[in-house]
Amino acid sequence: MINNISKEDAMAILKEDAVKIKNLVNKQRDTLCLLSCPAFEEVVDTQLFGFSREVNFVVRCALIEEKAGKKLIEDLESDLNGHFHAEF
């Protein structure tokens, strides 16, 4: 049985997951070295897709607004893209 979760809790969980993805991608970047490497791009794409599915689920459960969910995804994409371009 799932305990009741507040909108604030749902948003906090999503933000924590976004940070985990950023950390994972940073570790992969350090390991793979090349940002244009297909394996690295696959890691980023897979993580972004999974996060977008997670956000979609939370939106469908009416725990956050669709606009807030889209902003979370856009912010993560922007953070990842901005960080990668800064490395070149």
N, C-alpha and C. Protein backbone atom coordinates (compact mmCIF):
# COMPACT_ATOMS: atom_id res chain seq x y z
N MET A 1 0.84 -1.17 0.00
CA MET A 1 0.00 0.00 0.00
C MET A 1 0.89 1.24 0.00
N ILE A 2 0.53 2.19 -0.82
CA ILE A 2 1.29 3.44 -0.93
C ILE A 2 0.69 4.45 0.04
N ASN A 3 1.56 5.08 0.81
CA ASN A 3 1.11 6.14 1.70
C ASN A 3 0.71 7.34 0.88
N ASN A 4 -0.14 8.17 1.46
CA ASN A 4 -0.50 9.41 0.77
C ASN A 4 0.76 10.25 0.61
N ILE A 5 0.90 10.83 -0.56
CA ILE A 5 2.07 11.67 -0.85
C ILE A 5 1.57 13.06 -1.20
N SER A 6 2.21 14.05 -0.65
CA SER A 6 1.80 15.42 -0.91
C SER A 6 2.42 15.91 -2.21
N LYS A 7 1.89 16.99 -2.71
CA LYS A 7 2.44 17.60 -3.92
C LYS A 7 3.87 18.06 -3.67
N GLU A 8 4.13 18.55 -2.48
CA GLU A 8 5.48 19.00 -2.13
C GLU A 8 6.45 17.81 -2.12
N ASP A 9 5.99 16.68 -1.56
CA ASP A 9 6.83 15.48 -1.54
C ASP A 9 7.14 15.00 -2.95
N ALA A 10 6.12 15.00 -3.81
CA ALA A 10 6.31 14.56 -5.20
C ALA A 10 7.33 15.46 -5.91
N MET A 11 7.21 16.75 -5.72
CA MET A 11 8.14 17.69 -6.36
C MET A 11 9.55 17.48 -5.81
N ALA A 12 9.67 17.27 -4.51
CA ALA A 12 10.99 17.05 -3.90
C ALA A 12 11.64 15.78 -4.44
N ILE A 13 10.86 14.73 -4.60
CA ILE A 13 11.38 13.48 -5.14
C ILE A 13 11.86 13.67 -6.58
N LEU A 14 11.09 14.37 -7.38
CA LEU A 14 11.49 14.62 -8.77
C LEU A 14 12.77 15.45 -8.82
N LYS A 15 12.87 16.45 -7.98
CA LYS A 15 14.08 17.28 -7.97
C LYS A 15 15.30 16.46 -7.52
N GLU A 16 15.11 15.57 -6.54
CA GLU A 16 16.20 14.70 -6.11
C GLU A 16 16.64 13.78 -7.26
N ASP A 17 15.67 13.26 -8.00
CA ASP A 17 16.00 12.38 -9.12
C ASP A 17 16.74 13.13 -10.22
N ALA A 18 16.37 14.38 -10.44
CA ALA A 18 17.07 15.19 -11.44
C ALA A 18 18.53 15.38 -11.04
N VAL A 19 18.77 15.62 -9.76
CA VAL A 19 20.14 15.78 -9.27
C VAL A 19 20.91 14.46 -9.44
N LYS A 20 20.27 13.34 -9.16
CA LYS A 20 20.91 12.03 -9.33
C LYS A 20 21.30 11.81 -10.79
N ILE A 21 20.43 12.21 -11.70
CA ILE A 21 20.72 12.06 -13.13
C ILE A 21 21.91 12.94 -13.51
N LYS A 22 21.93 14.18 -13.03
CA LYS A 22 23.07 15.06 -13.32
C LYS A 22 24.36 14.45 -12.82
N ASN A 23 24.33 13.90 -11.60
CA ASN A 23 25.53 13.28 -11.05
C ASN A 23 25.96 12.06 -11.86
N LEU A 24 25.01 11.22 -12.25
CA LEU A 24 25.32 10.05 -13.06
C LEU A 24 25.94 10.45 -14.38
N VAL A 25 25.35 11.44 -15.03
CA VAL A 25 25.85 11.89 -16.32
C VAL A 25 27.26 12.48 -16.17
N ASN A 26 27.48 13.21 -15.09
CA ASN A 26 28.82 13.76 -14.85
C ASN A 26 29.85 12.64 -14.67
N LYS A 27 29.48 11.60 -13.94
CA LYS A 27 30.39 10.46 -13.76
C LYS A 27 30.66 9.76 -15.08
N GLN A 28 29.63 9.59 -15.89
CA GLN A 28 29.80 8.96 -17.19
C GLN A 28 30.68 9.82 -18.09
N ARG A 29 30.47 11.12 -18.03
CA ARG A 29 31.29 12.03 -18.83
C ARG A 29 32.76 11.88 -18.45
N ASP A 30 33.01 11.83 -17.16
CA ASP A 30 34.40 11.70 -16.69
C ASP A 30 35.00 10.36 -17.12
N THR A 31 34.19 9.31 -17.15
CA THR A 31 34.66 7.98 -17.52
C THR A 31 34.85 7.85 -19.02
N LEU A 32 33.89 8.33 -19.77
CA LEU A 32 33.92 8.16 -21.23
C LEU A 32 34.72 9.25 -21.93
N CYS A 33 34.93 10.35 -21.26
CA CYS A 33 35.77 11.45 -21.75
C CYS A 33 35.20 12.22 -22.94
N LEU A 34 34.62 11.56 -23.88
CA LEU A 34 34.17 12.24 -25.10
C LEU A 34 32.66 12.49 -25.03
N LEU A 35 32.29 13.75 -25.09
CA LEU A 35 30.88 14.10 -25.02
C LEU A 35 30.13 13.70 -26.28
N SER A 36 30.83 13.57 -27.38
CA SER A 36 30.16 13.21 -28.63
C SER A 36 30.13 11.69 -28.84
N CYS A 37 30.58 10.94 -27.86
CA CYS A 37 30.60 9.48 -27.93
C CYS A 37 29.17 8.95 -27.94
N PRO A 38 28.84 8.04 -28.85
CA PRO A 38 27.48 7.48 -28.90
C PRO A 38 27.05 6.84 -27.58
N ALA A 39 27.96 6.20 -26.87
CA ALA A 39 27.60 5.57 -25.60
C ALA A 39 27.20 6.63 -24.58
N PHE A 40 27.91 7.73 -24.56
CA PHE A 40 27.59 8.82 -23.64
C PHE A 40 26.24 9.43 -24.00
N GLU A 41 26.02 9.68 -25.26
CA GLU A 41 24.75 10.24 -25.71
C GLU A 41 23.59 9.31 -25.36
N GLU A 42 23.82 8.01 -25.45
CA GLU A 42 22.79 7.02 -25.11
C GLU A 42 22.45 7.11 -23.61
N VAL A 43 23.45 7.27 -22.78
CA VAL A 43 23.21 7.40 -21.33
C VAL A 43 22.34 8.62 -21.06
N VAL A 44 22.70 9.74 -21.67
CA VAL A 44 21.94 10.98 -21.47
C VAL A 44 20.51 10.82 -21.97
N ASP A 45 20.34 10.30 -23.18
CA ASP A 45 19.00 10.13 -23.75
C ASP A 45 18.15 9.19 -22.90
N THR A 46 18.74 8.11 -22.44
CA THR A 46 18.00 7.13 -21.63
C THR A 46 17.57 7.75 -20.31
N GLN A 47 18.46 8.48 -19.67
CA GLN A 47 18.13 9.11 -18.39
C GLN A 47 17.04 10.17 -18.57
N LEU A 48 17.15 10.97 -19.61
CA LEU A 48 16.13 12.00 -19.86
C LEU A 48 14.77 11.37 -20.17
N PHE A 49 14.79 10.28 -20.94
CA PHE A 49 13.53 9.61 -21.25
C PHE A 49 12.89 9.05 -19.98
N GLY A 50 13.69 8.38 -19.15
CA GLY A 50 13.16 7.82 -17.91
C GLY A 50 12.61 8.90 -16.99
N PHE A 51 13.32 10.01 -16.90
CA PHE A 51 12.86 11.11 -16.06
C PHE A 51 11.56 11.69 -16.60
N SER A 52 11.46 11.81 -17.90
CA SER A 52 10.22 12.36 -18.49
C SER A 52 9.04 11.44 -18.22
N ARG A 53 9.27 10.12 -18.21
CA ARG A 53 8.20 9.16 -17.89
C ARG A 53 7.79 9.29 -16.43
N GLU A 54 8.78 9.47 -15.57
CA GLU A 54 8.51 9.64 -14.14
C GLU A 54 7.68 10.91 -13.91
N VAL A 55 8.08 11.99 -14.55
CA VAL A 55 7.35 13.26 -14.43
C VAL A 55 5.94 13.10 -14.96
N ASN A 56 5.80 12.45 -16.11
CA ASN A 56 4.48 12.22 -16.69
C ASN A 56 3.57 11.47 -15.72
N PHE A 57 4.11 10.46 -15.06
CA PHE A 57 3.32 9.69 -14.10
C PHE A 57 2.83 10.57 -12.96
N VAL A 58 3.72 11.39 -12.43
CA VAL A 58 3.37 12.27 -11.32
C VAL A 58 2.31 13.29 -11.75
N VAL A 59 2.43 13.80 -12.96
CA VAL A 59 1.44 14.73 -13.50
C VAL A 59 0.09 14.02 -13.63
N ARG A 60 0.10 12.80 -14.18
CA ARG A 60 -1.15 12.05 -14.35
C ARG A 60 -1.81 11.71 -13.03
N CYS A 61 -1.02 11.61 -11.97
CA CYS A 61 -1.57 11.37 -10.62
C CYS A 61 -2.05 12.66 -9.98
N ALA A 62 -1.93 13.76 -10.70
CA ALA A 62 -2.35 15.09 -10.25
C ALA A 62 -1.58 15.54 -9.01
N LEU A 63 -0.32 15.13 -8.93
CA LEU A 63 0.51 15.56 -7.81
C LEU A 63 1.27 16.83 -8.13
N ILE A 64 1.48 17.10 -9.43
CA ILE A 64 2.04 18.38 -9.86
C ILE A 64 1.32 18.79 -11.14
N GLU A 65 1.37 20.07 -11.43
CA GLU A 65 0.76 20.59 -12.65
C GLU A 65 1.60 20.22 -13.86
N GLU A 66 0.97 20.08 -15.01
CA GLU A 66 1.68 19.74 -16.24
C GLU A 66 2.76 20.77 -16.55
N LYS A 67 2.45 22.04 -16.34
CA LYS A 67 3.42 23.11 -16.61
C LYS A 67 4.67 22.94 -15.74
N ALA A 68 4.48 22.61 -14.48
CA ALA A 68 5.62 22.40 -13.57
C ALA A 68 6.43 21.18 -14.00
N GLY A 69 5.75 20.14 -14.46
CA GLY A 69 6.44 18.95 -14.93
C GLY A 69 7.29 19.24 -16.15
N LYS A 70 6.73 19.97 -17.09
CA LYS A 70 7.48 20.33 -18.29
C LYS A 70 8.70 21.18 -17.93
N LYS A 71 8.53 22.06 -16.96
CA LYS A 71 9.66 22.90 -16.54
C LYS A 71 10.77 22.05 -15.92
N LEU A 72 10.42 21.06 -15.13
CA LEU A 72 11.43 20.17 -14.55
C LEU A 72 12.24 19.49 -15.65
N ILE A 73 11.56 18.98 -16.67
CA ILE A 73 12.23 18.30 -17.78
C ILE A 73 13.10 19.28 -18.56
N GLU A 74 12.54 20.44 -18.87
CA GLU A 74 13.29 21.46 -19.62
C GLU A 74 14.52 21.91 -18.83
N ASP A 75 14.36 22.09 -17.51
CA ASP A 75 15.49 22.52 -16.68
C ASP A 75 16.60 21.47 -16.69
N LEU A 76 16.23 20.20 -16.58
CA LEU A 76 17.24 19.14 -16.59
C LEU A 76 17.94 19.10 -17.94
N GLU A 77 17.17 19.16 -19.03
CA GLU A 77 17.78 19.17 -20.37
C GLU A 77 18.72 20.36 -20.53
N SER A 78 18.27 21.51 -20.08
CA SER A 78 19.07 22.72 -20.19
C SER A 78 20.35 22.61 -19.36
N ASP A 79 20.23 22.11 -18.14
CA ASP A 79 21.41 21.93 -17.29
C ASP A 79 22.41 20.99 -17.94
N LEU A 80 21.92 19.88 -18.46
CA LEU A 80 22.81 18.91 -19.08
C LEU A 80 23.44 19.48 -20.35
N ASN A 81 22.63 20.10 -21.20
CA ASN A 81 23.15 20.67 -22.44
C ASN A 81 24.10 21.82 -22.17
N GLY A 82 23.78 22.68 -21.24
CA GLY A 82 24.64 23.81 -20.91
C GLY A 82 25.97 23.35 -20.35
N HIS A 83 25.92 22.32 -19.53
CA HIS A 83 27.16 21.80 -18.94
C HIS A 83 28.04 21.17 -20.00
N PHE A 84 27.44 20.46 -20.92
CA PHE A 84 28.22 19.77 -21.95
C PHE A 84 28.86 20.78 -22.90
N HIS A 85 28.09 21.79 -23.29
CA HIS A 85 28.65 22.78 -24.22
C HIS A 85 29.76 23.59 -23.56
N ALA A 86 29.67 23.77 -22.25
CA ALA A 86 30.70 24.51 -21.53
C ALA A 86 32.02 23.73 -21.50
N GLU A 87 31.94 22.41 -21.66
CA GLU A 87 33.14 21.57 -21.61
C GLU A 87 33.97 21.69 -22.88
N PHE A 88 33.36 22.11 -23.99
CA PHE A 88 34.10 22.18 -25.26
C PHE A 88 34.97 23.36 -25.27
